[in-house]
Structure formats: structure tokens, C-alpha cells
Amino acid sequence: MGMGHGELGIGYWLLIFLPLLSLLYPLPTPLKVHGNGR
């Protein structure tokens, strides 16, 4: 667990959590728009 590397850790977690949150909680976010585009 790279706790020291906060930036990298947060970035990785965001990449995993953002899509999950978007699926769990469909909110009007830029990420959702990108998903629709795909």
C-alpha cells in the first residue's frame, strides 16, 4: 500500500471509484457524459 504516494494512490482510486460511483449513483457529472459518448 503506497500511502506515502498520495497523488498516485488518489489518482488510481479515483479511476476505479469515479466509474463505480457513476454507476451506483447516476449523477449529472462530466464522467457520465463521457460514458454516454462511448
PDB file of N, CA and C in Angstrom:
ATOM      1  N   MET A   1       0.844  -1.204   0.000  1.00  0.00           N
ATOM      2  CA  MET A   1       0.000   0.000   0.000  1.00  0.00           C
ATOM      3  C   MET A   1       0.877   1.251   0.000  1.00  0.00           C
ATOM      4  N   GLY A   2       0.836   2.001  -1.108  1.00  0.00           N
ATOM      5  CA  GLY A   2       1.656   3.215  -1.192  1.00  0.00           C
ATOM      6  C   GLY A   2       0.962   4.408  -0.561  1.00  0.00           C
ATOM      7  N   MET A   3       0.937   4.441   0.771  1.00  0.00           N
ATOM      8  CA  MET A   3       0.276   5.559   1.444  1.00  0.00           C
ATOM      9  C   MET A   3       1.087   6.837   1.242  1.00  0.00           C
ATOM     10  N   GLY A   4       2.412   6.679   1.174  1.00  0.00           N
ATOM     11  CA  GLY A   4       3.285   7.839   1.004  1.00  0.00           C
ATOM     12  C   GLY A   4       2.979   8.550  -0.300  1.00  0.00           C
ATOM     13  N   HIS A   5       2.790   7.748  -1.363  1.00  0.00           N
ATOM     14  CA  HIS A   5       2.481   8.336  -2.666  1.00  0.00           C
ATOM     15  C   HIS A   5       0.988   8.650  -2.736  1.00  0.00           C
ATOM     16  N   GLY A   6       0.603   9.729  -2.103  1.00  0.00           N
ATOM     17  CA  GLY A   6      -0.817  10.103  -2.055  1.00  0.00           C
ATOM     18  C   GLY A   6      -1.365  10.412  -3.436  1.00  0.00           C
ATOM     19  N   GLU A   7      -0.616  11.208  -4.192  1.00  0.00           N
ATOM     20  CA  GLU A   7      -1.083  11.606  -5.527  1.00  0.00           C
ATOM     21  C   GLU A   7      -1.381  10.383  -6.393  1.00  0.00           C
ATOM     22  N   LEU A   8      -0.425   9.490  -6.466  1.00  0.00           N
ATOM     23  CA  LEU A   8      -0.600   8.296  -7.297  1.00  0.00           C
ATOM     24  C   LEU A   8      -1.745   7.443  -6.757  1.00  0.00           C
ATOM     25  N   GLY A   9      -1.764   7.283  -5.436  1.00  0.00           N
ATOM     26  CA  GLY A   9      -2.804   6.471  -4.804  1.00  0.00           C
ATOM     27  C   GLY A   9      -4.183   7.037  -5.078  1.00  0.00           C
ATOM     28  N   ILE A  10      -4.326   8.347  -4.864  1.00  0.00           N
ATOM     29  CA  ILE A  10      -5.624   9.003  -5.071  1.00  0.00           C
ATOM     30  C   ILE A  10      -6.033   8.892  -6.541  1.00  0.00           C
ATOM     31  N   GLY A  11      -5.098   9.138  -7.429  1.00  0.00           N
ATOM     32  CA  GLY A  11      -5.393   9.066  -8.862  1.00  0.00           C
ATOM     33  C   GLY A  11      -5.907   7.688  -9.247  1.00  0.00           C
ATOM     34  N   TYR A  12      -5.242   6.647  -8.737  1.00  0.00           N
ATOM     35  CA  TYR A  12      -5.642   5.270  -9.046  1.00  0.00           C
ATOM     36  C   TYR A  12      -7.022   4.967  -8.482  1.00  0.00           C
ATOM     37  N   TRP A  13      -7.224   5.389  -7.227  1.00  0.00           N
ATOM     38  CA  TRP A  13      -8.521   5.154  -6.568  1.00  0.00           C
ATOM     39  C   TRP A  13      -9.632   5.879  -7.305  1.00  0.00           C
ATOM     40  N   LEU A  14      -9.349   7.116  -7.752  1.00  0.00           N
ATOM     41  CA  LEU A  14     -10.358   7.911  -8.476  1.00  0.00           C
ATOM     42  C   LEU A  14     -10.747   7.203  -9.771  1.00  0.00           C
ATOM     43  N   LEU A  15      -9.750   6.689 -10.474  1.00  0.00           N
ATOM     44  CA  LEU A  15     -10.015   5.991 -11.739  1.00  0.00           C
ATOM     45  C   LEU A  15     -10.944   4.802 -11.528  1.00  0.00           C
ATOM     46  N   ILE A  16     -10.816   4.157 -10.362  1.00  0.00           N
ATOM     47  CA  ILE A  16     -11.657   2.991 -10.055  1.00  0.00           C
ATOM     48  C   ILE A  16     -12.977   3.421  -9.426  1.00  0.00           C
ATOM     49  N   PHE A  17     -12.913   4.402  -8.529  1.00  0.00           N
ATOM     50  CA  PHE A  17     -14.107   4.823  -7.785  1.00  0.00           C
ATOM     51  C   PHE A  17     -15.060   5.677  -8.617  1.00  0.00           C
ATOM     52  N   LEU A  18     -14.524   6.620  -9.403  1.00  0.00           N
ATOM     53  CA  LEU A  18     -15.385   7.511 -10.204  1.00  0.00           C
ATOM     54  C   LEU A  18     -16.378   6.732 -11.066  1.00  0.00           C
ATOM     55  N   PRO A  19     -15.914   5.777 -11.886  1.00  0.00           N
ATOM     56  CA  PRO A  19     -16.847   4.999 -12.713  1.00  0.00           C
ATOM     57  C   PRO A  19     -17.832   4.207 -11.863  1.00  0.00           C
ATOM     58  N   LEU A  20     -17.339   3.631 -10.749  1.00  0.00           N
ATOM     59  CA  LEU A  20     -18.210   2.843  -9.863  1.00  0.00           C
ATOM     60  C   LEU A  20     -19.293   3.729  -9.270  1.00  0.00           C
ATOM     61  N   LEU A  21     -18.886   4.890  -8.782  1.00  0.00           N
ATOM     62  CA  LEU A  21     -19.846   5.829  -8.187  1.00  0.00           C
ATOM     63  C   LEU A  21     -20.857   6.279  -9.235  1.00  0.00           C
ATOM     64  N   SER A  22     -20.378   6.499 -10.454  1.00  0.00           N
ATOM     65  CA  SER A  22     -21.267   6.940 -11.536  1.00  0.00           C
ATOM     66  C   SER A  22     -22.335   5.878 -11.802  1.00  0.00           C
ATOM     67  N   LEU A  23     -21.915   4.609 -11.716  1.00  0.00           N
ATOM     68  CA  LEU A  23     -22.860   3.513 -11.952  1.00  0.00           C
ATOM     69  C   LEU A  23     -23.812   3.362 -10.772  1.00  0.00           C
ATOM     70  N   LEU A  24     -23.252   3.460  -9.560  1.00  0.00           N
ATOM     71  CA  LEU A  24     -24.068   3.321  -8.351  1.00  0.00           C
ATOM     72  C   LEU A  24     -24.978   4.524  -8.170  1.00  0.00           C
ATOM     73  N   TYR A  25     -24.381   5.706  -8.303  1.00  0.00           N
ATOM     74  CA  TYR A  25     -25.155   6.942  -8.137  1.00  0.00           C
ATOM     75  C   TYR A  25     -25.123   7.761  -9.429  1.00  0.00           C
ATOM     76  N   PRO A  26     -26.075   7.503 -10.334  1.00  0.00           N
ATOM     77  CA  PRO A  26     -26.120   8.242 -11.607  1.00  0.00           C
ATOM     78  C   PRO A  26     -26.374   9.727 -11.395  1.00  0.00           C
ATOM     79  N   LEU A  27     -25.285  10.496 -11.302  1.00  0.00           N
ATOM     80  CA  LEU A  27     -25.401  11.942 -11.080  1.00  0.00           C
ATOM     81  C   LEU A  27     -24.949  12.695 -12.327  1.00  0.00           C
ATOM     82  N   PRO A  28     -25.432  13.918 -12.504  1.00  0.00           N
ATOM     83  CA  PRO A  28     -25.052  14.738 -13.667  1.00  0.00           C
ATOM     84  C   PRO A  28     -23.597  15.186 -13.589  1.00  0.00           C
ATOM     85  N   THR A  29     -22.681  14.331 -13.986  1.00  0.00           N
ATOM     86  CA  THR A  29     -21.255  14.649 -13.902  1.00  0.00           C
ATOM     87  C   THR A  29     -20.614  14.515 -15.284  1.00  0.00           C
ATOM     88  N   PRO A  30     -19.510  15.214 -15.514  1.00  0.00           N
ATOM     89  CA  PRO A  30     -18.799  15.148 -16.800  1.00  0.00           C
ATOM     90  C   PRO A  30     -18.452  13.709 -17.170  1.00  0.00           C
ATOM     91  N   LEU A  31     -18.163  12.887 -16.146  1.00  0.00           N
ATOM     92  CA  LEU A  31     -17.791  11.497 -16.392  1.00  0.00           C
ATOM     93  C   LEU A  31     -18.939  10.762 -17.070  1.00  0.00           C
ATOM     94  N   LYS A  32     -20.166  11.048 -16.619  1.00  0.00           N
ATOM     95  CA  LYS A  32     -21.343  10.393 -17.189  1.00  0.00           C
ATOM     96  C   LYS A  32     -21.460  10.742 -18.671  1.00  0.00           C
ATOM     97  N   VAL A  33     -21.196  12.012 -18.988  1.00  0.00           N
ATOM     98  CA  VAL A  33     -21.278  12.460 -20.381  1.00  0.00           C
ATOM     99  C   VAL A  33     -20.273  11.682 -21.228  1.00  0.00           C
ATOM    100  N   HIS A  34     -19.064  11.520 -20.705  1.00  0.00           N
ATOM    101  CA  HIS A  34     -18.025  10.787 -21.427  1.00  0.00           C
ATOM    102  C   HIS A  34     -18.468   9.352 -21.661  1.00  0.00           C
ATOM    103  N   GLY A  35     -19.097   8.768 -20.651  1.00  0.00           N
ATOM    104  CA  GLY A  35     -19.577   7.389 -20.760  1.00  0.00           C
ATOM    105  C   GLY A  35     -20.612   7.269 -21.868  1.00  0.00           C
ATOM    106  N   ASN A  36     -21.536   8.241 -21.938  1.00  0.00           N
ATOM    107  CA  ASN A  36     -22.570   8.223 -22.975  1.00  0.00           C
ATOM    108  C   ASN A  36     -21.931   8.348 -24.359  1.00  0.00           C
ATOM    109  N   GLY A  37     -20.899   9.213 -24.449  1.00  0.00           N
ATOM    110  CA  GLY A  37     -20.202   9.406 -25.713  1.00  0.00           C
ATOM    111  C   GLY A  37     -19.638   8.094 -26.223  1.00  0.00           C
ATOM    112  N   ARG A  38     -19.135   7.289 -25.293  1.00  0.00           N
ATOM    113  CA  ARG A  38     -18.588   5.983 -25.629  1.00  0.00           C
ATOM    114  C   ARG A  38     -19.736   5.066 -25.996  1.00  0.00           C
TER     115      ARG A  38
END
